[in-house]
Amino acid sequence: MALESFELQPPAYVRVRLKARAPSKLAGLGNRAIFDGPMTALFCSSRCPGDRLLRTYEYVQNLRDRGVTVISGFHSPIEKECLRILLRGRQFIIICPARTLKGMVIPADWQRALDTGRLLLLSPFPPTQRRASLASANRRNELVAALSDEVFIAHITPGGQMERTLERAKTWRIPISSP
């Protein structure tokens, strides 16, 4: 199934939360209607203590089984494993890569979810941003938090960039939970 990409405006609440850092538009691929529903953001630093892994996987399975839409960059190893868990469900998923969607190779398991209308890819990056960087990952994470109705933190390395994103989400009064 050939899917067409589209552009959309970020919701007003995202412009309020991000102010001057808000993107003027978002590129999308997939089921555009997913964007209009409530979203739970998922974040995990690259390194996660073992005691949190099982609780995180159980929590994500619960989100999947309840049909909760999950939004994330799905970039860290734990986030990738959570995506694999979510792809086995029927709920909606929003993936926000830290790069442009243009020219992106879609993995087969993502394609199946795209074809069935369960997946939306979103990016605030221009076609020239073909590779992820630390700066684009931070910008993406801030956007994911700003779009969400609640945030689930599997683990955050103290003093890291993700911690700053979490602090911003707290100022926006977004409910935050962790295992």
N, C-alpha and C. Protein backbone atom coordinates (compact mmCIF):
# COMPACT_ATOMS: atom_id res chain seq x y z
N MET A 1 0.85 -1.19 0.00
CA MET A 1 0.00 0.00 0.00
C MET A 1 0.89 1.24 0.00
N ALA A 2 0.69 2.12 -0.95
CA ALA A 2 1.46 3.35 -1.02
C ALA A 2 0.79 4.43 -0.17
N LEU A 3 1.53 4.95 0.76
CA LEU A 3 1.01 6.01 1.62
C LEU A 3 1.60 7.34 1.17
N GLU A 4 0.78 8.36 1.21
CA GLU A 4 1.26 9.69 0.85
C GLU A 4 1.62 10.45 2.11
N SER A 5 2.69 11.21 2.01
CA SER A 5 3.07 12.06 3.13
C SER A 5 2.19 13.30 3.13
N PHE A 6 2.13 13.96 4.26
CA PHE A 6 1.31 15.16 4.39
C PHE A 6 1.97 16.09 5.40
N GLU A 7 1.48 17.31 5.45
CA GLU A 7 1.94 18.28 6.44
C GLU A 7 0.76 18.68 7.29
N LEU A 8 1.03 19.01 8.53
CA LEU A 8 -0.02 19.52 9.40
C LEU A 8 0.57 20.53 10.37
N GLN A 9 -0.30 21.35 10.89
CA GLN A 9 0.10 22.36 11.86
C GLN A 9 0.12 21.74 13.26
N PRO A 10 1.10 22.09 14.08
CA PRO A 10 1.06 21.62 15.47
C PRO A 10 -0.15 22.23 16.17
N PRO A 11 -0.75 21.51 17.12
CA PRO A 11 -1.88 22.07 17.86
C PRO A 11 -1.48 23.34 18.62
N ALA A 12 -2.45 24.16 18.91
CA ALA A 12 -2.19 25.42 19.61
C ALA A 12 -1.49 25.19 20.94
N TYR A 13 -1.86 24.12 21.68
CA TYR A 13 -1.23 23.88 22.97
C TYR A 13 0.27 23.60 22.84
N VAL A 14 0.69 23.04 21.71
CA VAL A 14 2.12 22.80 21.48
C VAL A 14 2.83 24.13 21.27
N ARG A 15 2.20 25.05 20.54
CA ARG A 15 2.79 26.37 20.33
C ARG A 15 2.89 27.12 21.65
N VAL A 16 1.91 26.95 22.53
CA VAL A 16 1.95 27.59 23.85
C VAL A 16 3.09 26.98 24.68
N ARG A 17 3.19 25.66 24.68
CA ARG A 17 4.21 24.99 25.48
C ARG A 17 5.63 25.28 24.98
N LEU A 18 5.83 25.22 23.68
CA LEU A 18 7.18 25.36 23.13
C LEU A 18 7.56 26.79 22.76
N LYS A 19 6.58 27.66 22.69
CA LYS A 19 6.81 29.07 22.35
C LYS A 19 7.63 29.17 21.05
N ALA A 20 8.74 29.89 21.07
CA ALA A 20 9.54 30.12 19.86
C ALA A 20 10.16 28.83 19.32
N ARG A 21 10.26 27.79 20.14
CA ARG A 21 10.86 26.53 19.70
C ARG A 21 9.84 25.63 18.99
N ALA A 22 8.59 26.06 18.93
CA ALA A 22 7.55 25.24 18.29
C ALA A 22 7.80 25.17 16.78
N PRO A 23 7.64 23.99 16.20
CA PRO A 23 7.78 23.90 14.75
C PRO A 23 6.59 24.56 14.06
N SER A 24 6.82 25.12 12.88
CA SER A 24 5.72 25.75 12.15
C SER A 24 4.84 24.70 11.47
N LYS A 25 5.43 23.53 11.19
CA LYS A 25 4.67 22.45 10.57
C LYS A 25 5.32 21.11 10.94
N LEU A 26 4.53 20.07 10.79
CA LEU A 26 5.00 18.71 11.01
C LEU A 26 4.77 17.91 9.74
N ALA A 27 5.75 17.13 9.36
CA ALA A 27 5.58 16.20 8.24
C ALA A 27 5.04 14.91 8.80
N GLY A 28 4.11 14.30 8.08
CA GLY A 28 3.52 13.07 8.56
C GLY A 28 3.43 12.02 7.47
N LEU A 29 3.37 10.77 7.92
CA LEU A 29 3.16 9.64 7.04
C LEU A 29 2.37 8.62 7.84
N GLY A 30 1.23 8.19 7.33
CA GLY A 30 0.42 7.22 8.03
C GLY A 30 -0.97 7.74 8.31
N ASN A 31 -1.57 7.20 9.34
CA ASN A 31 -2.95 7.53 9.70
C ASN A 31 -3.00 8.87 10.42
N ARG A 32 -3.37 9.90 9.70
CA ARG A 32 -3.42 11.26 10.23
C ARG A 32 -4.37 11.39 11.42
N ALA A 33 -5.44 10.60 11.46
CA ALA A 33 -6.44 10.69 12.53
C ALA A 33 -5.85 10.35 13.90
N ILE A 34 -4.77 9.57 13.94
CA ILE A 34 -4.13 9.23 15.21
C ILE A 34 -3.70 10.49 15.94
N PHE A 35 -3.31 11.50 15.19
CA PHE A 35 -2.80 12.75 15.75
C PHE A 35 -3.83 13.48 16.60
N ASP A 36 -5.10 13.22 16.36
CA ASP A 36 -6.17 13.96 17.04
C ASP A 36 -6.56 13.37 18.39
N GLY A 37 -6.03 12.22 18.76
CA GLY A 37 -6.40 11.58 20.02
C GLY A 37 -5.40 11.83 21.12
N PRO A 38 -5.73 11.38 22.34
CA PRO A 38 -4.79 11.51 23.45
C PRO A 38 -3.57 10.62 23.24
N MET A 39 -2.42 11.07 23.78
CA MET A 39 -1.16 10.37 23.58
C MET A 39 -0.39 10.26 24.89
N THR A 40 0.24 9.13 25.08
CA THR A 40 1.15 8.93 26.20
C THR A 40 2.56 8.86 25.65
N ALA A 41 3.44 9.75 26.12
CA ALA A 41 4.83 9.76 25.68
C ALA A 41 5.61 8.71 26.46
N LEU A 42 6.55 8.08 25.79
CA LEU A 42 7.44 7.09 26.38
C LEU A 42 8.87 7.55 26.21
N PHE A 43 9.60 7.61 27.33
CA PHE A 43 11.01 8.00 27.30
C PHE A 43 11.84 7.04 28.12
N CYS A 44 13.05 6.75 27.64
CA CYS A 44 14.01 5.99 28.42
C CYS A 44 15.41 6.36 27.93
N SER A 45 16.30 6.65 28.87
CA SER A 45 17.69 6.92 28.52
C SER A 45 18.32 5.66 27.92
N SER A 46 19.46 5.83 27.31
CA SER A 46 20.13 4.70 26.65
C SER A 46 20.46 3.58 27.62
N ARG A 47 20.83 3.94 28.82
CA ARG A 47 21.14 2.92 29.83
C ARG A 47 20.02 2.90 30.85
N CYS A 48 19.56 1.71 31.16
CA CYS A 48 18.44 1.55 32.10
C CYS A 48 18.79 0.45 33.09
N PRO A 49 18.65 0.71 34.39
CA PRO A 49 18.93 -0.33 35.38
C PRO A 49 18.01 -1.54 35.18
N GLY A 50 18.56 -2.73 35.42
CA GLY A 50 17.82 -3.97 35.21
C GLY A 50 16.52 -4.05 35.99
N ASP A 51 16.48 -3.47 37.19
CA ASP A 51 15.26 -3.56 38.00
C ASP A 51 14.09 -2.81 37.38
N ARG A 52 14.37 -1.90 36.48
CA ARG A 52 13.29 -1.14 35.83
C ARG A 52 12.80 -1.78 34.54
N LEU A 53 13.63 -2.65 33.97
CA LEU A 53 13.28 -3.23 32.67
C LEU A 53 11.97 -4.01 32.72
N LEU A 54 11.87 -4.95 33.61
CA LEU A 54 10.67 -5.79 33.68
C LEU A 54 9.43 -4.94 33.96
N ARG A 55 9.54 -3.99 34.89
CA ARG A 55 8.39 -3.13 35.20
C ARG A 55 8.01 -2.26 34.01
N THR A 56 9.00 -1.81 33.25
CA THR A 56 8.72 -1.01 32.05
C THR A 56 8.00 -1.86 31.00
N TYR A 57 8.49 -3.06 30.75
CA TYR A 57 7.86 -3.92 29.76
C TYR A 57 6.43 -4.27 30.17
N GLU A 58 6.21 -4.51 31.45
CA GLU A 58 4.86 -4.81 31.93
C GLU A 58 3.95 -3.59 31.75
N TYR A 59 4.48 -2.41 32.05
CA TYR A 59 3.69 -1.18 31.89
C TYR A 59 3.31 -0.97 30.42
N VAL A 60 4.27 -1.17 29.54
CA VAL A 60 4.01 -0.97 28.10
C VAL A 60 3.02 -2.02 27.60
N GLN A 61 3.12 -3.25 28.07
CA GLN A 61 2.13 -4.27 27.70
C GLN A 61 0.74 -3.84 28.17
N ASN A 62 0.66 -3.24 29.34
CA ASN A 62 -0.61 -2.74 29.87
C ASN A 62 -1.16 -1.63 28.98
N LEU A 63 -0.29 -0.70 28.57
CA LEU A 63 -0.72 0.37 27.65
C LEU A 63 -1.25 -0.24 26.36
N ARG A 64 -0.51 -1.22 25.84
CA ARG A 64 -0.93 -1.90 24.61
C ARG A 64 -2.29 -2.56 24.79
N ASP A 65 -2.44 -3.30 25.87
CA ASP A 65 -3.69 -4.04 26.09
C ASP A 65 -4.87 -3.11 26.34
N ARG A 66 -4.63 -1.92 26.88
CA ARG A 66 -5.70 -0.94 27.11
C ARG A 66 -5.98 -0.10 25.88
N GLY A 67 -5.16 -0.23 24.82
CA GLY A 67 -5.38 0.52 23.59
C GLY A 67 -4.92 1.96 23.66
N VAL A 68 -3.95 2.26 24.51
CA VAL A 68 -3.45 3.63 24.68
C VAL A 68 -2.50 3.97 23.52
N THR A 69 -2.69 5.13 22.92
CA THR A 69 -1.77 5.61 21.88
C THR A 69 -0.46 6.04 22.52
N VAL A 70 0.65 5.50 22.02
CA VAL A 70 1.97 5.81 22.57
C VAL A 70 2.76 6.57 21.52
N ILE A 71 3.42 7.66 21.97
CA ILE A 71 4.26 8.48 21.11
C ILE A 71 5.67 8.48 21.68
N SER A 72 6.67 8.33 20.80
CA SER A 72 8.05 8.29 21.24
C SER A 72 8.96 8.40 20.02
N GLY A 73 10.22 8.63 20.29
CA GLY A 73 11.21 8.52 19.23
C GLY A 73 11.60 7.07 19.00
N PHE A 74 11.35 6.23 20.00
CA PHE A 74 11.69 4.81 19.95
C PHE A 74 13.13 4.63 19.47
N HIS A 75 14.03 5.35 20.12
CA HIS A 75 15.43 5.36 19.68
C HIS A 75 16.34 4.56 20.61
N SER A 76 16.19 4.70 21.91
CA SER A 76 17.07 3.98 22.84
C SER A 76 16.77 2.48 22.77
N PRO A 77 17.69 1.64 23.22
CA PRO A 77 17.43 0.19 23.18
C PRO A 77 16.14 -0.21 23.89
N ILE A 78 15.84 0.37 25.03
CA ILE A 78 14.62 0.02 25.76
C ILE A 78 13.40 0.51 24.99
N GLU A 79 13.46 1.72 24.44
CA GLU A 79 12.34 2.24 23.65
C GLU A 79 12.09 1.35 22.43
N LYS A 80 13.15 0.85 21.81
CA LYS A 80 12.99 -0.05 20.65
C LYS A 80 12.29 -1.33 21.06
N GLU A 81 12.67 -1.88 22.21
CA GLU A 81 12.01 -3.10 22.68
C GLU A 81 10.54 -2.81 23.01
N CYS A 82 10.27 -1.65 23.58
CA CYS A 82 8.88 -1.27 23.86
C CYS A 82 8.08 -1.16 22.56
N LEU A 83 8.71 -0.64 21.52
CA LEU A 83 8.03 -0.57 20.22
C LEU A 83 7.69 -1.96 19.71
N ARG A 84 8.61 -2.91 19.86
CA ARG A 84 8.32 -4.28 19.44
C ARG A 84 7.10 -4.84 20.19
N ILE A 85 7.00 -4.54 21.48
CA ILE A 85 5.85 -4.97 22.28
C ILE A 85 4.58 -4.33 21.74
N LEU A 86 4.64 -3.02 21.47
CA LEU A 86 3.46 -2.29 21.00
C LEU A 86 3.01 -2.76 19.61
N LEU A 87 3.96 -3.07 18.76
CA LEU A 87 3.62 -3.50 17.40
C LEU A 87 2.86 -4.82 17.39
N ARG A 88 2.92 -5.57 18.47
CA ARG A 88 2.16 -6.83 18.57
C ARG A 88 0.71 -6.58 19.00
N GLY A 89 0.36 -5.34 19.30
CA GLY A 89 -1.00 -5.02 19.73
C GLY A 89 -1.84 -4.48 18.60
N ARG A 90 -2.89 -3.76 18.99
CA ARG A 90 -3.79 -3.16 18.00
C ARG A 90 -3.96 -1.66 18.22
N GLN A 91 -3.31 -1.11 19.24
CA GLN A 91 -3.45 0.31 19.55
C GLN A 91 -2.64 1.15 18.55
N PHE A 92 -2.86 2.46 18.61
CA PHE A 92 -2.13 3.37 17.73
C PHE A 92 -0.75 3.67 18.29
N ILE A 93 0.18 3.94 17.38
CA ILE A 93 1.56 4.27 17.73
C ILE A 93 1.98 5.46 16.89
N ILE A 94 2.70 6.40 17.52
CA ILE A 94 3.27 7.54 16.80
C ILE A 94 4.78 7.49 17.01
N ILE A 95 5.52 7.41 15.91
CA ILE A 95 6.98 7.40 15.96
C ILE A 95 7.48 8.73 15.43
N CYS A 96 8.34 9.37 16.22
CA CYS A 96 8.92 10.66 15.84
C CYS A 96 10.44 10.51 15.70
N PRO A 97 10.92 10.25 14.50
CA PRO A 97 12.37 10.14 14.33
C PRO A 97 13.03 11.51 14.52
N ALA A 98 14.30 11.50 14.83
CA ALA A 98 15.05 12.75 15.03
C ALA A 98 15.68 13.20 13.73
N ARG A 99 14.93 13.07 12.65
CA ARG A 99 15.38 13.43 11.31
C ARG A 99 14.17 13.60 10.40
N THR A 100 14.40 13.95 9.17
CA THR A 100 13.32 14.08 8.20
C THR A 100 12.72 12.72 7.86
N LEU A 101 11.48 12.75 7.40
CA LEU A 101 10.86 11.51 6.92
C LEU A 101 11.25 11.24 5.47
N LYS A 102 11.66 12.30 4.77
CA LYS A 102 11.99 12.16 3.35
C LYS A 102 13.16 11.19 3.16
N GLY A 103 12.93 10.19 2.33
CA GLY A 103 13.97 9.21 2.02
C GLY A 103 14.17 8.16 3.11
N MET A 104 13.34 8.18 4.12
CA MET A 104 13.49 7.23 5.22
C MET A 104 13.07 5.83 4.76
N VAL A 105 13.86 4.85 5.11
CA VAL A 105 13.53 3.46 4.81
C VAL A 105 12.66 2.95 5.96
N ILE A 106 11.48 2.47 5.62
CA ILE A 106 10.52 2.01 6.62
C ILE A 106 10.73 0.52 6.89
N PRO A 107 11.06 0.13 8.13
CA PRO A 107 11.19 -1.30 8.44
C PRO A 107 9.89 -2.05 8.18
N ALA A 108 10.00 -3.34 7.87
CA ALA A 108 8.83 -4.16 7.50
C ALA A 108 7.77 -4.17 8.58
N ASP A 109 8.16 -4.27 9.86
CA ASP A 109 7.15 -4.32 10.92
C ASP A 109 6.44 -2.97 11.06
N TRP A 110 7.12 -1.88 10.79
CA TRP A 110 6.47 -0.57 10.78
C TRP A 110 5.51 -0.49 9.60
N GLN A 111 5.95 -1.01 8.45
CA GLN A 111 5.12 -0.94 7.24
C GLN A 111 3.79 -1.66 7.45
N ARG A 112 3.83 -2.81 8.11
CA ARG A 112 2.58 -3.53 8.39
C ARG A 112 1.65 -2.67 9.23
N ALA A 113 2.19 -1.99 10.25
CA ALA A 113 1.36 -1.13 11.09
C ALA A 113 0.87 0.09 10.30
N LEU A 114 1.69 0.62 9.41
CA LEU A 114 1.26 1.72 8.54
C LEU A 114 0.10 1.27 7.65
N ASP A 115 0.26 0.10 7.05
CA ASP A 115 -0.75 -0.42 6.12
C ASP A 115 -2.09 -0.67 6.79
N THR A 116 -2.08 -1.02 8.07
CA THR A 116 -3.33 -1.28 8.79
C THR A 116 -3.87 -0.03 9.49
N GLY A 117 -3.21 1.12 9.31
CA GLY A 117 -3.71 2.37 9.88
C GLY A 117 -3.43 2.55 11.36
N ARG A 118 -2.48 1.78 11.91
CA ARG A 118 -2.16 1.86 13.34
C ARG A 118 -0.97 2.75 13.64
N LEU A 119 -0.27 3.21 12.62
CA LEU A 119 0.99 3.92 12.82
C LEU A 119 0.98 5.27 12.13
N LEU A 120 1.58 6.24 12.81
CA LEU A 120 1.79 7.57 12.25
C LEU A 120 3.25 7.93 12.51
N LEU A 121 3.93 8.37 11.47
CA LEU A 121 5.28 8.91 11.61
C LEU A 121 5.17 10.43 11.54
N LEU A 122 5.82 11.11 12.49
CA LEU A 122 5.80 12.57 12.52
C LEU A 122 7.21 13.12 12.64
N SER A 123 7.49 14.21 11.95
CA SER A 123 8.79 14.85 12.05
C SER A 123 8.66 16.35 11.87
N PRO A 124 9.35 17.13 12.73
CA PRO A 124 9.37 18.57 12.54
C PRO A 124 10.56 19.03 11.69
N PHE A 125 11.35 18.07 11.17
CA PHE A 125 12.61 18.40 10.53
C PHE A 125 12.49 18.58 9.03
N PRO A 126 13.28 19.51 8.48
CA PRO A 126 13.25 19.75 7.03
C PRO A 126 13.94 18.61 6.29
N PRO A 127 13.72 18.52 4.98
CA PRO A 127 14.34 17.45 4.18
C PRO A 127 15.87 17.41 4.28
N THR A 128 16.49 18.51 4.66
CA THR A 128 17.95 18.54 4.76
C THR A 128 18.46 17.84 6.02
N GLN A 129 17.61 17.60 7.00
CA GLN A 129 18.01 16.94 8.25
C GLN A 129 17.90 15.42 8.05
N ARG A 130 18.86 14.86 7.31
CA ARG A 130 18.77 13.46 6.92
C ARG A 130 19.33 12.50 7.96
N ARG A 131 20.05 13.01 8.94
CA ARG A 131 20.63 12.17 9.99
C ARG A 131 20.23 12.70 11.35
N ALA A 132 20.05 11.79 12.27
CA ALA A 132 19.77 12.18 13.65
C ALA A 132 21.06 12.70 14.29
N SER A 133 20.89 13.66 15.17
CA SER A 133 22.02 14.20 15.93
C SER A 133 21.55 14.38 17.37
N LEU A 134 22.45 14.70 18.24
CA LEU A 134 22.08 14.96 19.63
C LEU A 134 21.10 16.13 19.70
N ALA A 135 21.37 17.17 18.93
CA ALA A 135 20.49 18.35 18.93
C ALA A 135 19.09 17.99 18.38
N SER A 136 19.04 17.22 17.30
CA SER A 136 17.72 16.87 16.75
C SER A 136 16.98 15.90 17.67
N ALA A 137 17.70 15.02 18.36
CA ALA A 137 17.06 14.12 19.32
C ALA A 137 16.47 14.91 20.48
N ASN A 138 17.18 15.91 20.95
CA ASN A 138 16.66 16.75 22.04
C ASN A 138 15.43 17.53 21.59
N ARG A 139 15.49 18.07 20.39
CA ARG A 139 14.34 18.81 19.86
C ARG A 139 13.14 17.89 19.67
N ARG A 140 13.39 16.68 19.15
CA ARG A 140 12.34 15.69 18.98
C ARG A 140 11.71 15.31 20.32
N ASN A 141 12.55 15.05 21.33
CA ASN A 141 12.03 14.67 22.65
C ASN A 141 11.18 15.77 23.26
N GLU A 142 11.58 17.00 23.08
CA GLU A 142 10.79 18.12 23.58
C GLU A 142 9.43 18.19 22.88
N LEU A 143 9.43 17.96 21.57
CA LEU A 143 8.17 17.94 20.81
C LEU A 143 7.28 16.79 21.27
N VAL A 144 7.84 15.60 21.45
CA VAL A 144 7.07 14.44 21.91
C VAL A 144 6.41 14.76 23.25
N ALA A 145 7.17 15.33 24.18
CA ALA A 145 6.60 15.70 25.48
C ALA A 145 5.51 16.74 25.32
N ALA A 146 5.74 17.74 24.47
CA ALA A 146 4.76 18.81 24.28
C ALA A 146 3.47 18.31 23.64
N LEU A 147 3.55 17.29 22.82
CA LEU A 147 2.36 16.73 22.17
C LEU A 147 1.55 15.82 23.10
N SER A 148 2.18 15.33 24.16
CA SER A 148 1.56 14.29 24.97
C SER A 148 0.59 14.82 26.02
N ASP A 149 -0.30 13.92 26.43
CA ASP A 149 -1.24 14.20 27.51
C ASP A 149 -0.72 13.66 28.83
N GLU A 150 0.19 12.70 28.75
CA GLU A 150 0.88 12.18 29.92
C GLU A 150 2.22 11.63 29.45
N VAL A 151 3.15 11.51 30.40
CA VAL A 151 4.50 11.05 30.09
C VAL A 151 4.84 9.87 30.99
N PHE A 152 5.39 8.81 30.38
CA PHE A 152 5.91 7.68 31.12
C PHE A 152 7.42 7.68 30.95
N ILE A 153 8.14 7.71 32.07
CA ILE A 153 9.60 7.71 32.07
C ILE A 153 10.07 6.36 32.58
N ALA A 154 10.66 5.55 31.71
CA ALA A 154 11.20 4.26 32.15
C ALA A 154 12.45 4.51 33.01
N HIS A 155 13.34 5.37 32.52
CA HIS A 155 14.54 5.76 33.27
C HIS A 155 15.16 6.98 32.60
N ILE A 156 15.67 7.86 33.43
CA ILE A 156 16.40 9.03 32.93
C ILE A 156 17.73 9.10 33.67
N THR A 157 18.81 9.26 32.92
CA THR A 157 20.11 9.43 33.52
C THR A 157 20.16 10.82 34.17
N PRO A 158 20.46 10.87 35.48
CA PRO A 158 20.51 12.17 36.16
C PRO A 158 21.49 13.13 35.47
N GLY A 159 21.03 14.36 35.28
CA GLY A 159 21.85 15.39 34.66
C GLY A 159 21.88 15.34 33.14
N GLY A 160 21.19 14.39 32.54
CA GLY A 160 21.19 14.25 31.08
C GLY A 160 20.18 15.17 30.42
N GLN A 161 20.21 15.17 29.10
CA GLN A 161 19.30 16.00 28.31
C GLN A 161 17.83 15.65 28.57
N MET A 162 17.57 14.37 28.75
CA MET A 162 16.19 13.93 28.97
C MET A 162 15.63 14.53 30.28
N GLU A 163 16.50 14.73 31.24
CA GLU A 163 16.05 15.32 32.50
C GLU A 163 15.52 16.74 32.28
N ARG A 164 16.16 17.49 31.40
CA ARG A 164 15.68 18.84 31.08
C ARG A 164 14.31 18.79 30.39
N THR A 165 14.13 17.82 29.52
CA THR A 165 12.83 17.65 28.87
C THR A 165 11.75 17.35 29.90
N LEU A 166 12.07 16.49 30.85
CA LEU A 166 11.14 16.15 31.92
C LEU A 166 10.78 17.38 32.75
N GLU A 167 11.75 18.20 33.04
CA GLU A 167 11.49 19.42 33.81
C GLU A 167 10.54 20.34 33.05
N ARG A 168 10.70 20.45 31.75
CA ARG A 168 9.77 21.26 30.94
C ARG A 168 8.37 20.69 31.00
N ALA A 169 8.26 19.37 30.87
CA ALA A 169 6.95 18.72 30.92
C ALA A 169 6.27 19.00 32.26
N LYS A 170 7.03 19.03 33.32
CA LYS A 170 6.46 19.34 34.64
C LYS A 170 5.89 20.76 34.66
N THR A 171 6.58 21.70 34.02
CA THR A 171 6.08 23.08 34.01
C THR A 171 4.80 23.20 33.18
N TRP A 172 4.61 22.26 32.25
CA TRP A 172 3.39 22.24 31.43
C TRP A 172 2.27 21.49 32.12
N ARG A 173 2.54 21.00 33.32
CA ARG A 173 1.55 20.26 34.14
C ARG A 173 1.06 18.97 33.47
N ILE A 174 1.98 18.32 32.76
CA ILE A 174 1.67 17.04 32.16
C ILE A 174 1.91 15.96 33.22
N PRO A 175 0.95 15.08 33.47
CA PRO A 175 1.15 14.01 34.43
C PRO A 175 2.34 13.12 34.02
N ILE A 176 3.18 12.79 34.98
CA ILE A 176 4.38 11.99 34.71
C ILE A 176 4.38 10.77 35.62
N SER A 177 4.68 9.61 35.04
CA SER A 177 4.76 8.39 35.84
C SER A 177 6.03 7.64 35.47
N SER A 178 6.42 6.71 36.33
CA SER A 178 7.60 5.87 36.09
C SER A 178 7.37 4.53 36.79
N PRO A 179 8.15 3.51 36.40
CA PRO A 179 7.96 2.19 37.03
C PRO A 179 8.42 2.17 38.48
